[in-house]
Amino acid sequence: PKEEKGKFRPLGIPTVTDRWVQQCVA
């Protein structure tokens, strides 16, 4: 949920494995 009522922010959750690979690159 965003501050504005009725509005939402999309969040993408990668798998833990993909988060680790991304973190290595980042």
Full PDB file with SEQRES, HELIX, SHEET, SSBOND, CRYST1, ORIGX, SCALE, CONECT and MASTER records, all heavy atoms in Angstrom:
SEQRES   1 A   26  PRO LYS GLU GLU LYS GLY LYS PHE ARG PRO LEU GLY ILE          
SEQRES   2 A   26  PRO THR VAL THR ASP ARG TRP VAL GLN GLN CYS VAL ALA          
HELIX    1 AA1 VAL A   16  VAL A   25  1                                  10    
CRYST1    1.000    1.000    1.000  90.00  90.00  90.00 P 1           1          
ORIGX1      1.000000  0.000000  0.000000        0.00000                         
ORIGX2      0.000000  1.000000  0.000000        0.00000                         
ORIGX3      0.000000  0.000000  1.000000        0.00000                         
SCALE1      1.000000  0.000000  0.000000        0.00000                         
SCALE2      0.000000  1.000000  0.000000        0.00000                         
SCALE3      0.000000  0.000000  1.000000        0.00000                         
ATOM      1  N   PRO A   1       0.826  -1.225   0.000  1.00  0.00           N  
ATOM      2  CA  PRO A   1       0.000   0.000   0.000  1.00  0.00           C  
ATOM      3  C   PRO A   1       0.851   1.262   0.000  1.00  0.00           C  
ATOM      4  O   PRO A   1       1.855   1.349   0.705  1.00  0.00           O  
ATOM      5  CB  PRO A   1      -0.796  -0.118   1.314  1.00  0.00           C  
ATOM      6  CG  PRO A   1      -0.721  -1.562   1.696  1.00  0.00           C  
ATOM      7  CD  PRO A   1       0.581  -2.066   1.174  1.00  0.00           C  
ATOM      8  N   LYS A   2       0.455   2.256  -0.795  1.00  0.00           N  
ATOM      9  CA  LYS A   2       1.125   3.555  -0.824  1.00  0.00           C  
ATOM     10  C   LYS A   2       0.412   4.517   0.114  1.00  0.00           C  
ATOM     11  O   LYS A   2      -0.627   4.180   0.690  1.00  0.00           O  
ATOM     12  CB  LYS A   2       1.107   4.100  -2.262  1.00  0.00           C  
ATOM     13  CG  LYS A   2       1.901   3.266  -3.243  1.00  0.00           C  
ATOM     14  CD  LYS A   2       1.782   3.787  -4.657  1.00  0.00           C  
ATOM     15  CE  LYS A   2       2.667   4.972  -4.902  1.00  0.00           C  
ATOM     16  NZ  LYS A   2       2.708   5.348  -6.340  1.00  0.00           N  
ATOM     17  N   GLU A   3       0.957   5.709   0.276  1.00  0.00           N  
ATOM     18  CA  GLU A   3       0.344   6.712   1.154  1.00  0.00           C  
ATOM     19  C   GLU A   3      -1.048   7.093   0.661  1.00  0.00           C  
ATOM     20  O   GLU A   3      -1.965   7.290   1.446  1.00  0.00           O  
ATOM     21  CB  GLU A   3       1.226   7.960   1.222  1.00  0.00           C  
ATOM     22  CG  GLU A   3       2.437   7.791   2.135  1.00  0.00           C  
ATOM     23  CD  GLU A   3       3.224   9.074   2.272  1.00  0.00           C  
ATOM     24  OE1 GLU A   3       2.844  10.087   1.650  1.00  0.00           O  
ATOM     25  OE2 GLU A   3       4.225   9.073   3.009  1.00  0.00           O  
ATOM     26  N   GLU A   4      -1.183   7.209  -0.677  1.00  0.00           N  
ATOM     27  CA  GLU A   4      -2.491   7.542  -1.240  1.00  0.00           C  
ATOM     28  C   GLU A   4      -3.428   6.343  -1.085  1.00  0.00           C  
ATOM     29  O   GLU A   4      -3.069   5.220  -1.450  1.00  0.00           O  
ATOM     30  CB  GLU A   4      -2.369   7.893  -2.729  1.00  0.00           C  
ATOM     31  CG  GLU A   4      -1.463   9.069  -3.005  1.00  0.00           C  
ATOM     32  CD  GLU A   4      -0.051   8.662  -3.362  1.00  0.00           C  
ATOM     33  OE1 GLU A   4       0.425   7.642  -2.817  1.00  0.00           O  
ATOM     34  OE2 GLU A   4       0.582   9.350  -4.171  1.00  0.00           O  
ATOM     35  N   LYS A   5      -4.605   6.588  -0.543  1.00  0.00           N  
ATOM     36  CA  LYS A   5      -5.560   5.501  -0.310  1.00  0.00           C  
ATOM     37  C   LYS A   5      -5.930   4.812  -1.608  1.00  0.00           C  
ATOM     38  O   LYS A   5      -6.200   5.456  -2.617  1.00  0.00           O  
ATOM     39  CB  LYS A   5      -6.823   6.042   0.368  1.00  0.00           C  
ATOM     40  CG  LYS A   5      -6.647   6.277   1.859  1.00  0.00           C  
ATOM     41  CD  LYS A   5      -7.958   6.585   2.536  1.00  0.00           C  
ATOM     42  CE  LYS A   5      -7.783   6.742   4.043  1.00  0.00           C  
ATOM     43  NZ  LYS A   5      -9.052   7.051   4.719  1.00  0.00           N  
ATOM     44  N   GLY A   6      -5.951   3.488  -1.569  1.00  0.00           N  
ATOM     45  CA  GLY A   6      -6.364   2.716  -2.736  1.00  0.00           C  
ATOM     46  C   GLY A   6      -5.278   2.500  -3.763  1.00  0.00           C  
ATOM     47  O   GLY A   6      -5.510   1.835  -4.773  1.00  0.00           O  
ATOM     48  N   LYS A   7      -4.073   3.049  -3.525  1.00  0.00           N  
ATOM     49  CA  LYS A   7      -2.976   2.878  -4.477  1.00  0.00           C  
ATOM     50  C   LYS A   7      -1.920   1.942  -3.890  1.00  0.00           C  
ATOM     51  O   LYS A   7      -1.697   1.918  -2.681  1.00  0.00           O  
ATOM     52  CB  LYS A   7      -2.354   4.223  -4.840  1.00  0.00           C  
ATOM     53  CG  LYS A   7      -3.276   5.116  -5.665  1.00  0.00           C  
ATOM     54  CD  LYS A   7      -2.543   6.323  -6.200  1.00  0.00           C  
ATOM     55  CE  LYS A   7      -3.453   7.173  -7.085  1.00  0.00           C  
ATOM     56  NZ  LYS A   7      -2.735   8.341  -7.653  1.00  0.00           N  
ATOM     57  N   PHE A   8      -1.288   1.168  -4.792  1.00  0.00           N  
ATOM     58  CA  PHE A   8      -0.315   0.181  -4.347  1.00  0.00           C  
ATOM     59  C   PHE A   8       0.975   0.287  -5.163  1.00  0.00           C  
ATOM     60  O   PHE A   8       0.954   0.665  -6.330  1.00  0.00           O  
ATOM     61  CB  PHE A   8      -0.882  -1.239  -4.488  1.00  0.00           C  
ATOM     62  CG  PHE A   8      -2.066  -1.497  -3.604  1.00  0.00           C  
ATOM     63  CD1 PHE A   8      -3.348  -1.169  -4.025  1.00  0.00           C  
ATOM     64  CD2 PHE A   8      -1.906  -2.045  -2.345  1.00  0.00           C  
ATOM     65  CE1 PHE A   8      -4.446  -1.402  -3.210  1.00  0.00           C  
ATOM     66  CE2 PHE A   8      -2.986  -2.280  -1.525  1.00  0.00           C  
ATOM     67  CZ  PHE A   8      -4.273  -1.955  -1.956  1.00  0.00           C  
ATOM     68  N   ARG A   9       2.093  -0.077  -4.525  1.00  0.00           N  
ATOM     69  CA  ARG A   9       3.384  -0.111  -5.200  1.00  0.00           C  
ATOM     70  C   ARG A   9       3.741  -1.580  -5.451  1.00  0.00           C  
ATOM     71  O   ARG A   9       3.804  -2.375  -4.508  1.00  0.00           O  
ATOM     72  CB  ARG A   9       4.452   0.550  -4.341  1.00  0.00           C  
ATOM     73  CG  ARG A   9       5.864   0.453  -4.925  1.00  0.00           C  
ATOM     74  CD  ARG A   9       6.894   1.129  -4.046  1.00  0.00           C  
ATOM     75  NE  ARG A   9       6.774   2.579  -4.109  1.00  0.00           N  
ATOM     76  CZ  ARG A   9       6.320   3.328  -3.142  1.00  0.00           C  
ATOM     77  NH1 ARG A   9       5.904   2.771  -2.021  1.00  0.00           N  
ATOM     78  NH2 ARG A   9       6.242   4.630  -3.269  1.00  0.00           N  
ATOM     79  N   PRO A  10       3.973  -1.968  -6.718  1.00  0.00           N  
ATOM     80  CA  PRO A  10       4.348  -3.355  -6.990  1.00  0.00           C  
ATOM     81  C   PRO A  10       5.770  -3.641  -6.524  1.00  0.00           C  
ATOM     82  O   PRO A  10       6.683  -2.860  -6.773  1.00  0.00           O  
ATOM     83  CB  PRO A  10       4.224  -3.463  -8.517  1.00  0.00           C  
ATOM     84  CG  PRO A  10       4.376  -2.075  -9.020  1.00  0.00           C  
ATOM     85  CD  PRO A  10       3.863  -1.165  -7.946  1.00  0.00           C  
ATOM     86  N   LEU A  11       5.933  -4.750  -5.834  1.00  0.00           N  
ATOM     87  CA  LEU A  11       7.249  -5.164  -5.342  1.00  0.00           C  
ATOM     88  C   LEU A  11       7.541  -6.539  -5.928  1.00  0.00           C  
ATOM     89  O   LEU A  11       6.662  -7.409  -5.946  1.00  0.00           O  
ATOM     90  CB  LEU A  11       7.228  -5.221  -3.816  1.00  0.00           C  
ATOM     91  CG  LEU A  11       8.562  -5.261  -3.080  1.00  0.00           C  
ATOM     92  CD1 LEU A  11       9.297  -3.949  -3.254  1.00  0.00           C  
ATOM     93  CD2 LEU A  11       8.334  -5.525  -1.599  1.00  0.00           C  
ATOM     94  N   GLY A  12       8.750  -6.729  -6.421  1.00  0.00           N  
ATOM     95  CA  GLY A  12       9.133  -8.022  -6.982  1.00  0.00           C  
ATOM     96  C   GLY A  12      10.084  -8.751  -6.048  1.00  0.00           C  
ATOM     97  O   GLY A  12      11.114  -8.203  -5.673  1.00  0.00           O  
ATOM     98  N   ILE A  13       9.738  -9.966  -5.644  1.00  0.00           N  
ATOM     99  CA  ILE A  13      10.582 -10.725  -4.719  1.00  0.00           C  
ATOM    100  C   ILE A  13      11.247 -11.885  -5.470  1.00  0.00           C  
ATOM    101  O   ILE A  13      10.596 -12.882  -5.787  1.00  0.00           O  
ATOM    102  CB  ILE A  13       9.763 -11.276  -3.534  1.00  0.00           C  
ATOM    103  CG1 ILE A  13       9.039 -10.129  -2.817  1.00  0.00           C  
ATOM    104  CG2 ILE A  13      10.658 -12.033  -2.562  1.00  0.00           C  
ATOM    105  CD1 ILE A  13       8.119 -10.585  -1.711  1.00  0.00           C  
ATOM    106  N   PRO A  14      12.553 -11.754  -5.758  1.00  0.00           N  
ATOM    107  CA  PRO A  14      13.258 -12.885  -6.374  1.00  0.00           C  
ATOM    108  C   PRO A  14      13.445 -14.006  -5.343  1.00  0.00           C  
ATOM    109  O   PRO A  14      13.307 -13.777  -4.133  1.00  0.00           O  
ATOM    110  CB  PRO A  14      14.614 -12.289  -6.778  1.00  0.00           C  
ATOM    111  CG  PRO A  14      14.481 -10.801  -6.609  1.00  0.00           C  
ATOM    112  CD  PRO A  14      13.427 -10.595  -5.571  1.00  0.00           C  
ATOM    113  N   THR A  15      13.784 -15.193  -5.807  1.00  0.00           N  
ATOM    114  CA  THR A  15      14.111 -16.278  -4.884  1.00  0.00           C  
ATOM    115  C   THR A  15      15.383 -15.909  -4.124  1.00  0.00           C  
ATOM    116  O   THR A  15      16.154 -15.039  -4.553  1.00  0.00           O  
ATOM    117  CB  THR A  15      14.344 -17.599  -5.632  1.00  0.00           C  
ATOM    118  OG1 THR A  15      15.480 -17.431  -6.504  1.00  0.00           O  
ATOM    119  CG2 THR A  15      13.127 -17.993  -6.460  1.00  0.00           C  
ATOM    120  N   VAL A  16      15.637 -16.580  -3.003  1.00  0.00           N  
ATOM    121  CA  VAL A  16      16.841 -16.292  -2.210  1.00  0.00           C  
ATOM    122  C   VAL A  16      18.096 -16.548  -3.052  1.00  0.00           C  
ATOM    123  O   VAL A  16      19.067 -15.784  -2.998  1.00  0.00           O  
ATOM    124  CB  VAL A  16      16.866 -17.147  -0.926  1.00  0.00           C  
ATOM    125  CG1 VAL A  16      18.117 -16.836  -0.104  1.00  0.00           C  
ATOM    126  CG2 VAL A  16      15.628 -16.907  -0.081  1.00  0.00           C  
ATOM    127  N   THR A  17      18.068 -17.621  -3.847  1.00  0.00           N  
ATOM    128  CA  THR A  17      19.218 -17.945  -4.707  1.00  0.00           C  
ATOM    129  C   THR A  17      19.493 -16.810  -5.684  1.00  0.00           C  
ATOM    130  O   THR A  17      20.638 -16.365  -5.842  1.00  0.00           O  
ATOM    131  CB  THR A  17      18.955 -19.244  -5.490  1.00  0.00           C  
ATOM    132  OG1 THR A  17      18.714 -20.310  -4.569  1.00  0.00           O  
ATOM    133  CG2 THR A  17      20.141 -19.594  -6.382  1.00  0.00           C  
ATOM    134  N   ASP A  18      18.439 -16.320  -6.336  1.00  0.00           N  
ATOM    135  CA  ASP A  18      18.616 -15.224  -7.302  1.00  0.00           C  
ATOM    136  C   ASP A  18      19.034 -13.936  -6.605  1.00  0.00           C  
ATOM    137  O   ASP A  18      19.794 -13.144  -7.170  1.00  0.00           O  
ATOM    138  CB  ASP A  18      17.330 -15.010  -8.101  1.00  0.00           C  
ATOM    139  CG  ASP A  18      17.048 -16.163  -9.064  1.00  0.00           C  
ATOM    140  OD1 ASP A  18      18.009 -16.875  -9.407  1.00  0.00           O  
ATOM    141  OD2 ASP A  18      15.882 -16.348  -9.457  1.00  0.00           O  
ATOM    142  N   ARG A  19      18.544 -13.718  -5.370  1.00  0.00           N  
ATOM    143  CA  ARG A  19      18.966 -12.528  -4.613  1.00  0.00           C  
ATOM    144  C   ARG A  19      20.473 -12.587  -4.333  1.00  0.00           C  
ATOM    145  O   ARG A  19      21.167 -11.569  -4.385  1.00  0.00           O  
ATOM    146  CB  ARG A  19      18.183 -12.411  -3.288  1.00  0.00           C  
ATOM    147  CG  ARG A  19      16.713 -12.117  -3.467  1.00  0.00           C  
ATOM    148  CD  ARG A  19      16.129 -11.361  -2.293  1.00  0.00           C  
ATOM    149  NE  ARG A  19      16.063 -12.066  -1.048  1.00  0.00           N  
ATOM    150  CZ  ARG A  19      15.039 -12.842  -0.653  1.00  0.00           C  
ATOM    151  NH1 ARG A  19      13.992 -13.020  -1.440  1.00  0.00           N  
ATOM    152  NH2 ARG A  19      15.047 -13.419   0.517  1.00  0.00           N  
ATOM    153  N   TRP A  20      20.964 -13.799  -4.040  1.00  0.00           N  
ATOM    154  CA  TRP A  20      22.396 -13.964  -3.764  1.00  0.00           C  
ATOM    155  C   TRP A  20      23.223 -13.681  -5.018  1.00  0.00           C  
ATOM    156  O   TRP A  20      24.231 -12.959  -4.958  1.00  0.00           O  
ATOM    157  CB  TRP A  20      22.657 -15.372  -3.243  1.00  0.00           C  
ATOM    158  CG  TRP A  20      24.124 -15.669  -3.054  1.00  0.00           C  
ATOM    159  CD1 TRP A  20      24.936 -15.190  -2.072  1.00  0.00           C  
ATOM    160  CD2 TRP A  20      24.942 -16.490  -3.888  1.00  0.00           C  
ATOM    161  NE1 TRP A  20      26.218 -15.665  -2.231  1.00  0.00           N  
ATOM    162  CE2 TRP A  20      26.247 -16.470  -3.340  1.00  0.00           C  
ATOM    163  CE3 TRP A  20      24.712 -17.252  -5.030  1.00  0.00           C  
ATOM    164  CZ2 TRP A  20      27.309 -17.176  -3.908  1.00  0.00           C  
ATOM    165  CZ3 TRP A  20      25.756 -17.955  -5.596  1.00  0.00           C  
ATOM    166  CH2 TRP A  20      27.038 -17.909  -5.044  1.00  0.00           C  
ATOM    167  N   VAL A  21      22.795 -14.215  -6.155  1.00  0.00           N  
ATOM    168  CA  VAL A  21      23.519 -13.973  -7.412  1.00  0.00           C  
ATOM    169  C   VAL A  21      23.499 -12.475  -7.728  1.00  0.00           C  
ATOM    170  O   VAL A  21      24.526 -11.891  -8.091  1.00  0.00           O  
ATOM    171  CB  VAL A  21      22.913 -14.789  -8.575  1.00  0.00           C  
ATOM    172  CG1 VAL A  21      23.645 -14.476  -9.879  1.00  0.00           C  
ATOM    173  CG2 VAL A  21      22.977 -16.290  -8.292  1.00  0.00           C  
ATOM    174  N   GLN A  22      22.330 -11.855  -7.576  1.00  0.00           N  
ATOM    175  CA  GLN A  22      22.222 -10.412  -7.817  1.00  0.00           C  
ATOM    176  C   GLN A  22      23.151  -9.624  -6.901  1.00  0.00           C  
ATOM    177  O   GLN A  22      23.788  -8.652  -7.319  1.00  0.00           O  
ATOM    178  CB  GLN A  22      20.777  -9.946  -7.607  1.00  0.00           C  
ATOM    179  CG  GLN A  22      19.814 -10.342  -8.700  1.00  0.00           C  
ATOM    180  CD  GLN A  22      18.461  -9.683  -8.522  1.00  0.00           C  
ATOM    181  OE1 GLN A  22      18.355  -8.613  -7.921  1.00  0.00           O  
ATOM    182  NE2 GLN A  22      17.419 -10.307  -9.051  1.00  0.00           N  
ATOM    183  N   GLN A  23      23.209 -10.042  -5.628  1.00  0.00           N  
ATOM    184  CA  GLN A  23      24.057  -9.333  -4.662  1.00  0.00           C  
ATOM    185  C   GLN A  23      25.527  -9.442  -5.040  1.00  0.00           C  
ATOM    186  O   GLN A  23      26.282  -8.471  -4.912  1.00  0.00           O  
ATOM    187  CB  GLN A  23      23.827  -9.898  -3.252  1.00  0.00           C  
ATOM    188  CG  GLN A  23      24.569  -9.170  -2.143  1.00  0.00           C  
ATOM    189  CD  GLN A  23      24.129  -7.723  -1.988  1.00  0.00           C  
ATOM    190  OE1 GLN A  23      22.957  -7.409  -2.113  1.00  0.00           O  
ATOM    191  NE2 GLN A  23      25.078  -6.842  -1.731  1.00  0.00           N  
ATOM    192  N   CYS A  24      25.943 -10.614  -5.518  1.00  0.00           N  
ATOM    193  CA  CYS A  24      27.330 -10.794  -5.988  1.00  0.00           C  
ATOM    194  C   CYS A  24      27.646  -9.788  -7.092  1.00  0.00           C  
ATOM    195  O   CYS A  24      28.708  -9.147  -7.090  1.00  0.00           O  
ATOM    196  CB  CYS A  24      27.541 -12.217  -6.517  1.00  0.00           C  
ATOM    197  SG  CYS A  24      27.585 -13.495  -5.253  1.00  0.00           S  
ATOM    198  N   VAL A  25      26.725  -9.644  -8.052  1.00  0.00           N  
ATOM    199  CA  VAL A  25      26.921  -8.718  -9.172  1.00  0.00           C  
ATOM    200  C   VAL A  25      26.878  -7.268  -8.674  1.00  0.00           C  
ATOM    201  O   VAL A  25      27.723  -6.449  -9.046  1.00  0.00           O  
ATOM    202  CB  VAL A  25      25.851  -8.939 -10.266  1.00  0.00           C  
ATOM    203  CG1 VAL A  25      26.035  -7.942 -11.408  1.00  0.00           C  
ATOM    204  CG2 VAL A  25      25.906 -10.371 -10.802  1.00  0.00           C  
ATOM    205  N   ALA A  26      25.894  -6.964  -7.822  1.00  0.00           N  
ATOM    206  CA  ALA A  26      25.701  -5.587  -7.344  1.00  0.00           C  
ATOM    207  C   ALA A  26      26.939  -5.063  -6.623  1.00  0.00           C  
ATOM    208  O   ALA A  26      27.318  -3.895  -6.768  1.00  0.00           O  
ATOM    209  CB  ALA A  26      24.485  -5.520  -6.427  1.00  0.00           C  
TER     210      ALA A  26                                                      
MASTER        0    0    0    1    0    0    0    6  209    1    0    2          
END                                                                             
